[in-house]
C-alpha atoms as a PDB file:
ATOM      1  CA  MET A   1     -30.476   4.382 -28.072  1.00  0.00           C
ATOM      2  CA  ARG A   2     -31.172   2.792 -24.669  1.00  0.00           C
ATOM      3  CA  TYR A   3     -28.173   3.610 -21.988  1.00  0.00           C
ATOM      4  CA  GLY A   4     -28.079   0.778 -18.847  1.00  0.00           C
ATOM      5  CA  VAL A   5     -26.602   1.677 -15.078  1.00  0.00           C
ATOM      6  CA  LEU A   6     -23.130   1.168 -16.322  1.00  0.00           C
ATOM      7  CA  ASP A   7     -23.516   3.973 -19.024  1.00  0.00           C
ATOM      8  CA  VAL A   8     -24.630   6.313 -16.682  1.00  0.00           C
ATOM      9  CA  VAL A   9     -22.118   5.124 -14.290  1.00  0.00           C
ATOM     10  CA  GLY A  10     -19.787   6.222 -17.028  1.00  0.00           C
ATOM     11  CA  ILE A  11     -21.420   9.284 -18.294  1.00  0.00           C
ATOM     12  CA  ALA A  12     -20.968  10.022 -14.084  1.00  0.00           C
ATOM     13  CA  GLY A  13     -17.067   9.610 -14.391  1.00  0.00           C
ATOM     14  CA  VAL A  14     -16.670  11.431 -17.295  1.00  0.00           C
ATOM     15  CA  VAL A  15     -18.330  14.847 -15.745  1.00  0.00           C
ATOM     16  CA  LEU A  16     -16.709  14.657 -13.041  1.00  0.00           C
ATOM     17  CA  LEU A  17     -14.384  14.456 -14.594  1.00  0.00           C
ATOM     18  CA  VAL A  18     -14.869  17.519 -16.666  1.00  0.00           C
ATOM     19  CA  ILE A  19     -16.030  19.751 -13.671  1.00  0.00           C
ATOM     20  CA  ALA A  20     -12.652  19.103 -11.470  1.00  0.00           C
ATOM     21  CA  TYR A  21     -10.791  20.018 -14.662  1.00  0.00           C
ATOM     22  CA  LEU A  22     -13.313  22.900 -15.247  1.00  0.00           C
ATOM     23  CA  LEU A  23     -12.470  24.148 -11.310  1.00  0.00           C
ATOM     24  CA  LEU A  24      -8.727  23.406 -11.434  1.00  0.00           C
ATOM     25  CA  GLN A  25      -9.203  26.032 -14.408  1.00  0.00           C
ATOM     26  CA  ILE A  26     -11.199  28.903 -13.345  1.00  0.00           C
ATOM     27  CA  ASN A  27      -8.545  28.681 -10.085  1.00  0.00           C
ATOM     28  CA  LYS A  28     -11.295  27.282  -7.797  1.00  0.00           C
ATOM     29  CA  LEU A  29      -9.703  24.276  -7.152  1.00  0.00           C
ATOM     30  CA  LYS A  30      -5.460  23.826  -6.608  1.00  0.00           C
ATOM     31  CA  SER A  31      -4.185  20.885  -8.433  1.00  0.00           C
ATOM     32  CA  SER A  32      -2.484  19.703  -5.011  1.00  0.00           C
ATOM     33  CA  GLY A  33      -5.211  19.724  -3.220  1.00  0.00           C
ATOM     34  CA  LEU A  34      -7.282  16.930  -2.105  1.00  0.00           C
ATOM     35  CA  PRO A  35     -10.727  17.651  -3.511  1.00  0.00           C
ATOM     36  CA  TYR A  36      -9.305  17.337  -7.064  1.00  0.00           C
ATOM     37  CA  SER A  37      -7.351  14.599  -6.497  1.00  0.00           C
ATOM     38  CA  PHE A  38     -10.353  12.859  -5.165  1.00  0.00           C
ATOM     39  CA  LEU A  39     -12.405  14.036  -8.456  1.00  0.00           C
ATOM     40  CA  ASN A  40     -10.124  12.775 -10.426  1.00  0.00           C
ATOM     41  CA  LEU A  41      -9.813   9.307  -8.670  1.00  0.00           C
ATOM     42  CA  ILE A  42     -14.027   9.368  -8.346  1.00  0.00           C
ATOM     43  CA  GLY A  43     -14.156  10.365 -12.114  1.00  0.00           C
ATOM     44  CA  ALA A  44     -11.528   7.937 -13.329  1.00  0.00           C
ATOM     45  CA  SER A  45     -13.417   5.004 -11.591  1.00  0.00           C
ATOM     46  CA  LEU A  46     -16.669   5.536 -12.787  1.00  0.00           C
ATOM     47  CA  ILE A  47     -14.964   5.101 -15.919  1.00  0.00           C
ATOM     48  CA  ILE A  48     -13.354   2.183 -15.126  1.00  0.00           C
ATOM     49  CA  VAL A  49     -16.865   1.013 -14.284  1.00  0.00           C
ATOM     50  CA  SER A  50     -18.409   1.545 -17.344  1.00  0.00           C
ATOM     51  CA  LEU A  51     -15.847  -0.383 -19.286  1.00  0.00           C
ATOM     52  CA  VAL A  52     -17.159  -3.261 -17.276  1.00  0.00           C
ATOM     53  CA  VAL A  53     -20.057  -3.927 -20.623  1.00  0.00           C
ATOM     54  CA  ASP A  54     -18.466  -2.830 -23.491  1.00  0.00           C
ATOM     55  CA  PHE A  55     -13.824  -2.980 -22.723  1.00  0.00           C
ATOM     56  CA  ASN A  56     -11.605  -0.835 -24.149  1.00  0.00           C
ATOM     57  CA  LEU A  57      -8.645  -1.538 -23.663  1.00  0.00           C
ATOM     58  CA  SER A  58      -6.895   2.053 -24.415  1.00  0.00           C
ATOM     59  CA  ALA A  59     -10.231   3.308 -22.330  1.00  0.00           C
ATOM     60  CA  PHE A  60      -8.946   1.139 -19.349  1.00  0.00           C
ATOM     61  CA  LEU A  61      -5.197   2.317 -19.315  1.00  0.00           C
ATOM     62  CA  MET A  62      -6.192   5.903 -19.571  1.00  0.00           C
ATOM     63  CA  GLU A  63      -8.297   5.881 -16.464  1.00  0.00           C
ATOM     64  CA  ALA A  64      -5.944   3.089 -14.527  1.00  0.00           C
ATOM     65  CA  PHE A  65      -3.254   5.879 -14.945  1.00  0.00           C
ATOM     66  CA  TRP A  66      -5.325   8.611 -13.960  1.00  0.00           C
ATOM     67  CA  VAL A  67      -6.667   6.294 -11.082  1.00  0.00           C
ATOM     68  CA  LEU A  68      -3.160   5.423 -10.202  1.00  0.00           C
ATOM     69  CA  ILE A  69      -1.882   9.216 -10.436  1.00  0.00           C
ATOM     70  CA  SER A  70      -4.738  10.629  -8.240  1.00  0.00           C
ATOM     71  CA  LEU A  71      -3.392   8.402  -5.983  1.00  0.00           C
ATOM     72  CA  ILE A  72      -0.393  10.002  -6.251  1.00  0.00           C
ATOM     73  CA  GLY A  73      -2.282  12.924  -5.203  1.00  0.00           C
ATOM     74  CA  ILE A  74      -3.504  12.488  -2.617  1.00  0.00           C
ATOM     75  CA  PHE A  75      -0.832  10.074  -0.784  1.00  0.00           C
ATOM     76  CA  ARG A  76       1.503  13.636  -1.184  1.00  0.00           C
ATOM     77  CA  HIS A  77      -1.231  15.441   0.489  1.00  0.00           C
ATOM     78  CA  LEU A  78      -1.738  13.324   3.905  1.00  0.00           C
ATOM     79  CA  ARG A  79       2.083  12.972   3.372  1.00  0.00           C
ATOM     80  CA  GLY A  80       2.437  16.902   3.699  1.00  0.00           C
ATOM     81  CA  THR A  81      -0.807  17.398   6.385  1.00  0.00           C
ATOM     82  CA  MET A  82       0.898  14.490   8.493  1.00  0.00           C
ATOM     83  CA  LEU A  83       4.093  16.092   8.210  1.00  0.00           C
ATOM     84  CA  ARG A  84       3.063  20.139   8.846  1.00  0.00           C
ATOM     85  CA  THR A  85       0.880  18.515  12.200  1.00  0.00           C
ATOM     86  CA  ASP A  86       3.866  16.593  13.601  1.00  0.00           C
ATOM     87  CA  THR A  87       5.961  19.561  13.812  1.00  0.00           C
ATOM     88  CA  ARG A  88       4.153  21.645  15.599  1.00  0.00           C
ATOM     89  CA  LEU A  89       3.763  19.070  18.699  1.00  0.00           C
END
């Protein structure tokens, strides 16, 4: 079986998601932290890109929600950081 560039992109996305989850489970990342949300965002986005070649609606929906949830985490983290900075002024 031959793998194309988009297959490799999708595999990289899966690896990022698994690494993020592993780091969360071994307490190296916090679920509310920016690195965890970014790893999830990038990983899910790479998987979505890989679906261009062989589209699968259920996989697309799962990753699209993963991206949206990651964006919520990033927004909440950044908003919390800005609020903490504003109160110190």
